[in-house]
Amino acid sequence: MDDPAHRRIELQSPEDLTYLINNVRRAAADSINAAFPPVENPLDGQEDELRNQIEQLVNDYITRTFTLASPNLTINGLPIADPSRFLTSSHDSGGQDDGDKVQVQYEYEPFDARKRDRIEQLVSEEEDLLRSIAQLKRRAPQATASRWAEAAGAAVDADEAALRAACERAAEEGAVGGRKALEGMGPLERQAEVEARFADAVATLGRLKRDMPAVVAKMERARVAAGYVIGSRDGK
């Protein structure tokens, strides 16, 4: 019975054992009724002694079977101390499933201070986790929005820097390409004549700029002299 190689049959409550016993007795009663139908109108009030003897033998067999099997059963992890109360209650109920009428005696595990301390510790951890979750609910959205704004700003700055670098690179490549294109073209037709005319135009502009004050002064003296001559003729 105490062999660790054989695991005990685990029941969850006393009602489970009562249910099993009642089912076995009900099945036995059905078999007896089929083999020995009860006499409806016994003569002179006499009972069916053979049937009664068979019923007694079957009930004794069921009682002995569950009594011997009780050490191999557990109810809610605890051994069955007295199986007779289940067998007597089931037998007195006439094989009916009246487990709720049985006076159930519950057995409790001895008090363990270490388990109580562990429960208090787990409750405290649960409260801490609930507080942490509440704080995350308040802080997480704002922190997420801030990180998203920073990431978006950094992405925009990176895009603008990349655009400026691309424009500068395109300008440099365009200037280099233009110089290379002009270098590859060689001397233009009538280049010397064009350069000479350009030089003459520049020299003429220089002389005009230099002689312009003297010419303006001469024109001013001529205007004054003309005014004097015209005034003298009008006086005669």
C-alpha atoms as a PDB file:
ATOM      1  CA  MET A   1       0.000   0.000   0.000  1.00  0.00           C
ATOM      2  CA  ASP A   2       2.861   2.344   0.778  1.00  0.00           C
ATOM      3  CA  ASP A   3       4.877   1.197  -2.225  1.00  0.00           C
ATOM      4  CA  PRO A   4       6.082   4.392  -3.963  1.00  0.00           C
ATOM      5  CA  ALA A   5       6.040   2.546  -7.290  1.00  0.00           C
ATOM      6  CA  HIS A   6       2.225   2.627  -7.250  1.00  0.00           C
ATOM      7  CA  ARG A   7       0.612   6.022  -7.264  1.00  0.00           C
ATOM      8  CA  ARG A   8      -2.504   6.546  -5.213  1.00  0.00           C
ATOM      9  CA  ILE A   9      -5.823   7.359  -6.850  1.00  0.00           C
ATOM     10  CA  GLU A  10      -6.510  11.043  -6.241  1.00  0.00           C
ATOM     11  CA  LEU A  11     -10.043  12.258  -5.511  1.00  0.00           C
ATOM     12  CA  GLN A  12     -10.930  15.938  -5.225  1.00  0.00           C
ATOM     13  CA  SER A  13     -13.648  15.764  -2.556  1.00  0.00           C
ATOM     14  CA  PRO A  14     -15.469  13.265  -0.294  1.00  0.00           C
ATOM     15  CA  GLU A  15     -18.479  13.481  -2.588  1.00  0.00           C
ATOM     16  CA  ASP A  16     -16.414  11.799  -5.311  1.00  0.00           C
ATOM     17  CA  LEU A  17     -15.915   8.679  -3.190  1.00  0.00           C
ATOM     18  CA  THR A  18     -19.588   8.637  -2.219  1.00  0.00           C
ATOM     19  CA  TYR A  19     -20.516   8.919  -5.885  1.00  0.00           C
ATOM     20  CA  LEU A  20     -18.334   5.925  -6.802  1.00  0.00           C
ATOM     21  CA  ILE A  21     -19.733   3.747  -4.027  1.00  0.00           C
ATOM     22  CA  ASN A  22     -23.322   4.641  -4.925  1.00  0.00           C
ATOM     23  CA  ASN A  23     -22.723   3.871  -8.608  1.00  0.00           C
ATOM     24  CA  VAL A  24     -21.253   0.443  -7.785  1.00  0.00           C
ATOM     25  CA  ARG A  25     -24.154  -0.392  -5.478  1.00  0.00           C
ATOM     26  CA  ARG A  26     -26.667   0.837  -8.041  1.00  0.00           C
ATOM     27  CA  ALA A  27     -25.130  -1.381 -10.728  1.00  0.00           C
ATOM     28  CA  ALA A  28     -25.146  -4.354  -8.335  1.00  0.00           C
ATOM     29  CA  ALA A  29     -28.797  -3.696  -7.457  1.00  0.00           C
ATOM     30  CA  ASP A  30     -29.726  -3.567 -11.164  1.00  0.00           C
ATOM     31  CA  SER A  31     -28.003  -6.919 -11.738  1.00  0.00           C
ATOM     32  CA  ILE A  32     -29.774  -8.493  -8.743  1.00  0.00           C
ATOM     33  CA  ASN A  33     -33.142  -7.139  -9.899  1.00  0.00           C
ATOM     34  CA  ALA A  34     -32.552  -8.593 -13.336  1.00  0.00           C
ATOM     35  CA  ALA A  35     -31.623 -12.041 -11.955  1.00  0.00           C
ATOM     36  CA  PHE A  36     -34.066 -12.091  -9.033  1.00  0.00           C
ATOM     37  CA  PRO A  37     -37.056  -9.866  -9.728  1.00  0.00           C
ATOM     38  CA  PRO A  38     -38.616  -8.650  -6.486  1.00  0.00           C
ATOM     39  CA  VAL A  39     -41.865 -10.281  -5.427  1.00  0.00           C
ATOM     40  CA  GLU A  40     -44.655  -7.703  -5.561  1.00  0.00           C
ATOM     41  CA  ASN A  41     -47.215  -9.640  -3.485  1.00  0.00           C
ATOM     42  CA  PRO A  42     -45.375 -12.050  -1.194  1.00  0.00           C
ATOM     43  CA  LEU A  43     -47.584 -14.719   0.370  1.00  0.00           C
ATOM     44  CA  ASP A  44     -48.321 -14.293   4.069  1.00  0.00           C
ATOM     45  CA  GLY A  45     -45.873 -11.392   4.295  1.00  0.00           C
ATOM     46  CA  GLN A  46     -42.889 -13.640   3.657  1.00  0.00           C
ATOM     47  CA  GLU A  47     -39.861 -12.033   2.040  1.00  0.00           C
ATOM     48  CA  ASP A  48     -37.612 -13.480  -0.624  1.00  0.00           C
ATOM     49  CA  GLU A  49     -34.908 -14.905   1.638  1.00  0.00           C
ATOM     50  CA  LEU A  50     -32.628 -15.940  -1.250  1.00  0.00           C
ATOM     51  CA  ARG A  51     -32.701 -12.451  -2.705  1.00  0.00           C
ATOM     52  CA  ASN A  52     -32.012 -10.941   0.701  1.00  0.00           C
ATOM     53  CA  GLN A  53     -29.053 -13.223   1.252  1.00  0.00           C
ATOM     54  CA  ILE A  54     -27.619 -12.373  -2.171  1.00  0.00           C
ATOM     55  CA  GLU A  55     -28.053  -8.643  -1.533  1.00  0.00           C
ATOM     56  CA  GLN A  56     -26.280  -8.993   1.801  1.00  0.00           C
ATOM     57  CA  LEU A  57     -23.376 -10.897   0.230  1.00  0.00           C
ATOM     58  CA  VAL A  58     -23.018  -8.308  -2.549  1.00  0.00           C
ATOM     59  CA  ASN A  59     -23.128  -5.403  -0.087  1.00  0.00           C
ATOM     60  CA  ASP A  60     -20.519  -7.100   2.117  1.00  0.00           C
ATOM     61  CA  TYR A  61     -18.323  -7.622  -0.926  1.00  0.00           C
ATOM     62  CA  ILE A  62     -18.611  -3.977  -1.953  1.00  0.00           C
ATOM     63  CA  THR A  63     -17.878  -2.832   1.605  1.00  0.00           C
ATOM     64  CA  ARG A  64     -14.845  -5.115   1.885  1.00  0.00           C
ATOM     65  CA  THR A  65     -13.565  -4.025  -1.559  1.00  0.00           C
ATOM     66  CA  PHE A  66     -13.692  -0.282  -0.826  1.00  0.00           C
ATOM     67  CA  THR A  67     -12.328  -0.822   2.693  1.00  0.00           C
ATOM     68  CA  LEU A  68      -9.283  -2.608   1.302  1.00  0.00           C
ATOM     69  CA  ALA A  69      -8.915  -0.036  -1.466  1.00  0.00           C
ATOM     70  CA  SER A  70      -9.167   3.007   0.820  1.00  0.00           C
ATOM     71  CA  PRO A  71      -5.425   3.073   1.691  1.00  0.00           C
ATOM     72  CA  ASN A  72      -4.740   3.533  -2.031  1.00  0.00           C
ATOM     73  CA  LEU A  73      -7.085   6.529  -2.273  1.00  0.00           C
ATOM     74  CA  THR A  74      -6.561  10.159  -1.314  1.00  0.00           C
ATOM     75  CA  ILE A  75      -9.094  12.968  -0.969  1.00  0.00           C
ATOM     76  CA  ASN A  76      -7.662  16.363  -1.813  1.00  0.00           C
ATOM     77  CA  GLY A  77      -4.182  14.997  -1.218  1.00  0.00           C
ATOM     78  CA  LEU A  78      -5.008  13.547   2.224  1.00  0.00           C
ATOM     79  CA  PRO A  79      -5.442   9.853   3.090  1.00  0.00           C
ATOM     80  CA  ILE A  80      -8.836   8.429   4.029  1.00  0.00           C
ATOM     81  CA  ALA A  81      -8.816   7.936   7.786  1.00  0.00           C
ATOM     82  CA  ASP A  82     -12.186   6.165   8.175  1.00  0.00           C
ATOM     83  CA  PRO A  83     -13.802   4.665   5.042  1.00  0.00           C
ATOM     84  CA  SER A  84     -16.667   3.155   7.041  1.00  0.00           C
ATOM     85  CA  ARG A  85     -18.526   6.472   7.256  1.00  0.00           C
ATOM     86  CA  PHE A  86     -18.705   6.626   3.456  1.00  0.00           C
ATOM     87  CA  LEU A  87     -19.799   2.988   3.185  1.00  0.00           C
ATOM     88  CA  THR A  88     -22.390   3.262   5.976  1.00  0.00           C
ATOM     89  CA  SER A  89     -23.860   6.480   4.595  1.00  0.00           C
ATOM     90  CA  SER A  90     -24.089   5.071   1.087  1.00  0.00           C
ATOM     91  CA  HIS A  91     -25.634   1.824   2.298  1.00  0.00           C
ATOM     92  CA  ASP A  92     -28.175   3.624   4.484  1.00  0.00           C
ATOM     93  CA  SER A  93     -29.249   5.801   1.554  1.00  0.00           C
ATOM     94  CA  GLY A  94     -30.458   2.681  -0.288  1.00  0.00           C
ATOM     95  CA  GLY A  95     -27.982   3.001  -3.155  1.00  0.00           C
ATOM     96  CA  GLN A  96     -29.294   6.433  -4.137  1.00  0.00           C
ATOM     97  CA  ASP A  97     -26.934   9.296  -5.017  1.00  0.00           C
ATOM     98  CA  ASP A  98     -27.525  11.310  -1.843  1.00  0.00           C
ATOM     99  CA  GLY A  99     -23.932  12.359  -1.271  1.00  0.00           C
ATOM    100  CA  ASP A 100     -25.103  15.817  -0.271  1.00  0.00           C
ATOM    101  CA  LYS A 101     -26.821  14.250   2.784  1.00  0.00           C
ATOM    102  CA  VAL A 102     -23.569  12.790   4.095  1.00  0.00           C
ATOM    103  CA  GLN A 103     -22.047  14.677   6.985  1.00  0.00           C
ATOM    104  CA  VAL A 104     -18.702  15.485   5.419  1.00  0.00           C
ATOM    105  CA  GLN A 105     -15.773  15.996   7.725  1.00  0.00           C
ATOM    106  CA  TYR A 106     -13.098  18.141   6.153  1.00  0.00           C
ATOM    107  CA  GLU A 107      -9.489  17.753   7.089  1.00  0.00           C
ATOM    108  CA  TYR A 108      -7.128  20.694   6.774  1.00  0.00           C
ATOM    109  CA  GLU A 109      -3.409  20.868   6.373  1.00  0.00           C
ATOM    110  CA  PRO A 110      -1.512  22.061   9.477  1.00  0.00           C
ATOM    111  CA  PHE A 111      -0.736  25.773   9.610  1.00  0.00           C
ATOM    112  CA  ASP A 112       2.581  26.656   8.012  1.00  0.00           C
ATOM    113  CA  ALA A 113       4.052  30.078   8.865  1.00  0.00           C
ATOM    114  CA  ARG A 114       6.482  29.912   5.947  1.00  0.00           C
ATOM    115  CA  LYS A 115       3.641  29.570   3.452  1.00  0.00           C
ATOM    116  CA  ARG A 116       1.802  32.481   5.058  1.00  0.00           C
ATOM    117  CA  ASP A 117       4.942  34.624   4.727  1.00  0.00           C
ATOM    118  CA  ARG A 118       5.265  33.518   1.123  1.00  0.00           C
ATOM    119  CA  ILE A 119       1.653  34.539   0.450  1.00  0.00           C
ATOM    120  CA  GLU A 120       2.276  37.971   1.967  1.00  0.00           C
ATOM    121  CA  GLN A 121       5.401  38.330  -0.165  1.00  0.00           C
ATOM    122  CA  LEU A 122       3.515  37.410  -3.331  1.00  0.00           C
ATOM    123  CA  VAL A 123       0.702  39.844  -2.489  1.00  0.00           C
ATOM    124  CA  SER A 124       3.271  42.609  -1.973  1.00  0.00           C
ATOM    125  CA  GLU A 125       4.934  41.774  -5.296  1.00  0.00           C
ATOM    126  CA  GLU A 126       1.542  41.876  -7.013  1.00  0.00           C
ATOM    127  CA  GLU A 127       0.827  45.332  -5.570  1.00  0.00           C
ATOM    128  CA  ASP A 128       4.256  46.572  -6.717  1.00  0.00           C
ATOM    129  CA  LEU A 129       3.614  45.255 -10.208  1.00  0.00           C
ATOM    130  CA  LEU A 130       0.203  46.926 -10.310  1.00  0.00           C
ATOM    131  CA  ARG A 131       1.767  50.254  -9.289  1.00  0.00           C
ATOM    132  CA  SER A 132       4.460  49.849 -11.943  1.00  0.00           C
ATOM    133  CA  ILE A 133       1.811  49.145 -14.575  1.00  0.00           C
ATOM    134  CA  ALA A 134      -0.139  52.251 -13.522  1.00  0.00           C
ATOM    135  CA  GLN A 135       3.001  54.399 -13.776  1.00  0.00           C
ATOM    136  CA  LEU A 136       3.783  52.989 -17.199  1.00  0.00           C
ATOM    137  CA  LYS A 137       0.260  53.803 -18.358  1.00  0.00           C
ATOM    138  CA  ARG A 138       0.808  57.430 -17.316  1.00  0.00           C
ATOM    139  CA  ARG A 139       4.376  57.856 -18.577  1.00  0.00           C
ATOM    140  CA  ALA A 140       4.671  55.549 -21.567  1.00  0.00           C
ATOM    141  CA  PRO A 141       2.487  57.566 -24.023  1.00  0.00           C
ATOM    142  CA  GLN A 142       4.313  60.846 -23.337  1.00  0.00           C
ATOM    143  CA  ALA A 143       7.741  59.223 -23.511  1.00  0.00           C
ATOM    144  CA  THR A 144       6.808  57.443 -26.719  1.00  0.00           C
ATOM    145  CA  ALA A 145       5.565  60.690 -28.292  1.00  0.00           C
ATOM    146  CA  SER A 146       8.766  62.508 -27.255  1.00  0.00           C
ATOM    147  CA  ARG A 147      10.972  59.788 -28.699  1.00  0.00           C
ATOM    148  CA  TRP A 148       8.943  59.807 -31.912  1.00  0.00           C
ATOM    149  CA  ALA A 149       9.257  63.607 -32.205  1.00  0.00           C
ATOM    150  CA  GLU A 150      13.011  63.423 -31.636  1.00  0.00           C
ATOM    151  CA  ALA A 151      13.369  60.655 -34.192  1.00  0.00           C
ATOM    152  CA  ALA A 152      11.260  62.569 -36.719  1.00  0.00           C
ATOM    153  CA  GLY A 153      13.305  65.771 -36.179  1.00  0.00           C
ATOM    154  CA  ALA A 154      16.547  63.852 -36.552  1.00  0.00           C
ATOM    155  CA  ALA A 155      15.244  62.260 -39.750  1.00  0.00           C
ATOM    156  CA  VAL A 156      14.261  65.675 -41.173  1.00  0.00           C
ATOM    157  CA  ASP A 157      17.683  67.139 -40.316  1.00  0.00           C
ATOM    158  CA  ALA A 158      19.379  64.164 -41.919  1.00  0.00           C
ATOM    159  CA  ASP A 159      17.260  64.575 -45.062  1.00  0.00           C
ATOM    160  CA  GLU A 160      18.063  68.302 -45.284  1.00  0.00           C
ATOM    161  CA  ALA A 161      21.782  67.644 -44.789  1.00  0.00           C
ATOM    162  CA  ALA A 162      21.665  64.974 -47.464  1.00  0.00           C
ATOM    163  CA  LEU A 163      19.859  67.414 -49.814  1.00  0.00           C
ATOM    164  CA  ARG A 164      22.443  70.155 -49.240  1.00  0.00           C
ATOM    165  CA  ALA A 165      25.285  67.712 -49.809  1.00  0.00           C
ATOM    166  CA  ALA A 166      23.624  66.495 -53.007  1.00  0.00           C
ATOM    167  CA  CYS A 167      23.170  70.088 -54.272  1.00  0.00           C
ATOM    168  CA  GLU A 168      26.776  70.977 -53.480  1.00  0.00           C
ATOM    169  CA  ARG A 169      27.995  67.827 -55.150  1.00  0.00           C
ATOM    170  CA  ALA A 170      25.850  68.514 -58.204  1.00  0.00           C
ATOM    171  CA  ALA A 171      27.168  72.105 -58.407  1.00  0.00           C
ATOM    172  CA  GLU A 172      30.767  70.958 -58.140  1.00  0.00           C
ATOM    173  CA  GLU A 173      30.250  68.237 -60.696  1.00  0.00           C
ATOM    174  CA  GLY A 174      28.519  70.761 -63.015  1.00  0.00           C
ATOM    175  CA  ALA A 175      31.380  73.267 -62.748  1.00  0.00           C
ATOM    176  CA  VAL A 176      33.991  70.588 -63.295  1.00  0.00           C
ATOM    177  CA  GLY A 177      31.990  69.200 -66.187  1.00  0.00           C
ATOM    178  CA  GLY A 178      31.667  72.694 -67.739  1.00  0.00           C
ATOM    179  CA  ARG A 179      35.380  73.333 -67.481  1.00  0.00           C
ATOM    180  CA  LYS A 180      36.120  69.968 -68.968  1.00  0.00           C
ATOM    181  CA  ALA A 181      33.651  70.657 -71.781  1.00  0.00           C
ATOM    182  CA  LEU A 182      35.251  74.026 -72.550  1.00  0.00           C
ATOM    183  CA  GLU A 183      38.706  72.516 -72.360  1.00  0.00           C
ATOM    184  CA  GLY A 184      37.672  69.811 -74.765  1.00  0.00           C
ATOM    185  CA  MET A 185      36.284  72.256 -77.304  1.00  0.00           C
ATOM    186  CA  GLY A 186      39.695  73.761 -78.234  1.00  0.00           C
ATOM    187  CA  PRO A 187      40.231  77.308 -79.621  1.00  0.00           C
ATOM    188  CA  LEU A 188      37.201  79.091 -81.111  1.00  0.00           C
ATOM    189  CA  GLU A 189      37.052  80.435 -84.624  1.00  0.00           C
ATOM    190  CA  ARG A 190      38.200  84.102 -84.897  1.00  0.00           C
ATOM    191  CA  GLN A 191      39.189  83.975 -81.258  1.00  0.00           C
ATOM    192  CA  ALA A 192      42.095  86.413 -81.778  1.00  0.00           C
ATOM    193  CA  GLU A 193      39.820  88.916 -83.567  1.00  0.00           C
ATOM    194  CA  VAL A 194      37.182  88.685 -80.832  1.00  0.00           C
ATOM    195  CA  GLU A 195      39.782  89.163 -78.132  1.00  0.00           C
ATOM    196  CA  ALA A 196      41.272  92.185 -79.982  1.00  0.00           C
ATOM    197  CA  ARG A 197      37.859  93.855 -80.364  1.00  0.00           C
ATOM    198  CA  PHE A 198      37.086  93.218 -76.723  1.00  0.00           C
ATOM    199  CA  ALA A 199      40.422  94.778 -75.742  1.00  0.00           C
ATOM    200  CA  ASP A 200      39.734  97.835 -77.962  1.00  0.00           C
ATOM    201  CA  ALA A 201      36.294  98.274 -76.414  1.00  0.00           C
ATOM    202  CA  VAL A 202      37.776  98.114 -72.941  1.00  0.00           C
ATOM    203  CA  ALA A 203      40.482 100.672 -73.883  1.00  0.00           C
ATOM    204  CA  THR A 204      37.871 102.996 -75.433  1.00  0.00           C
ATOM    205  CA  LEU A 205      35.741 102.833 -72.313  1.00  0.00           C
ATOM    206  CA  GLY A 206      38.830 103.638 -70.247  1.00  0.00           C
ATOM    207  CA  ARG A 207      39.705 106.688 -72.382  1.00  0.00           C
ATOM    208  CA  LEU A 208      36.070 107.844 -72.307  1.00  0.00           C
ATOM    209  CA  LYS A 209      36.008 107.632 -68.588  1.00  0.00           C
ATOM    210  CA  ARG A 210      39.290 109.537 -68.379  1.00  0.00           C
ATOM    211  CA  ASP A 211      38.399 112.288 -70.894  1.00  0.00           C
ATOM    212  CA  MET A 212      34.787 112.702 -69.821  1.00  0.00           C
ATOM    213  CA  PRO A 213      35.458 115.456 -67.209  1.00  0.00           C
ATOM    214  CA  ALA A 214      37.463 117.599 -69.662  1.00  0.00           C
ATOM    215  CA  VAL A 215      34.759 117.320 -72.319  1.00  0.00           C
ATOM    216  CA  VAL A 216      32.086 118.228 -69.792  1.00  0.00           C
ATOM    217  CA  ALA A 217      34.123 121.273 -68.715  1.00  0.00           C
ATOM    218  CA  LYS A 218      34.539 122.416 -72.335  1.00  0.00           C
ATOM    219  CA  MET A 219      30.794 122.072 -72.906  1.00  0.00           C
ATOM    220  CA  GLU A 220      30.073 124.120 -69.801  1.00  0.00           C
ATOM    221  CA  ARG A 221      32.448 126.943 -70.927  1.00  0.00           C
ATOM    222  CA  ALA A 222      30.917 126.876 -74.403  1.00  0.00           C
ATOM    223  CA  ARG A 223      27.401 127.171 -72.902  1.00  0.00           C
ATOM    224  CA  VAL A 224      28.474 130.147 -70.790  1.00  0.00           C
ATOM    225  CA  ALA A 225      30.140 131.866 -73.747  1.00  0.00           C
ATOM    226  CA  ALA A 226      27.090 131.264 -75.929  1.00  0.00           C
ATOM    227  CA  GLY A 227      24.871 132.815 -73.284  1.00  0.00           C
ATOM    228  CA  TYR A 228      27.066 135.870 -73.052  1.00  0.00           C
ATOM    229  CA  VAL A 229      27.132 136.403 -76.852  1.00  0.00           C
ATOM    230  CA  ILE A 230      23.356 136.019 -77.133  1.00  0.00           C
ATOM    231  CA  GLY A 231      22.823 138.475 -74.290  1.00  0.00           C
ATOM    232  CA  SER A 232      25.094 141.115 -75.864  1.00  0.00           C
ATOM    233  CA  ARG A 233      23.190 140.945 -79.235  1.00  0.00           C
ATOM    234  CA  ASP A 234      19.895 141.407 -77.490  1.00  0.00           C
ATOM    235  CA  GLY A 235      21.254 144.563 -75.715  1.00  0.00           C
ATOM    236  CA  LYS A 236      22.151 146.329 -78.995  1.00  0.00           C
END
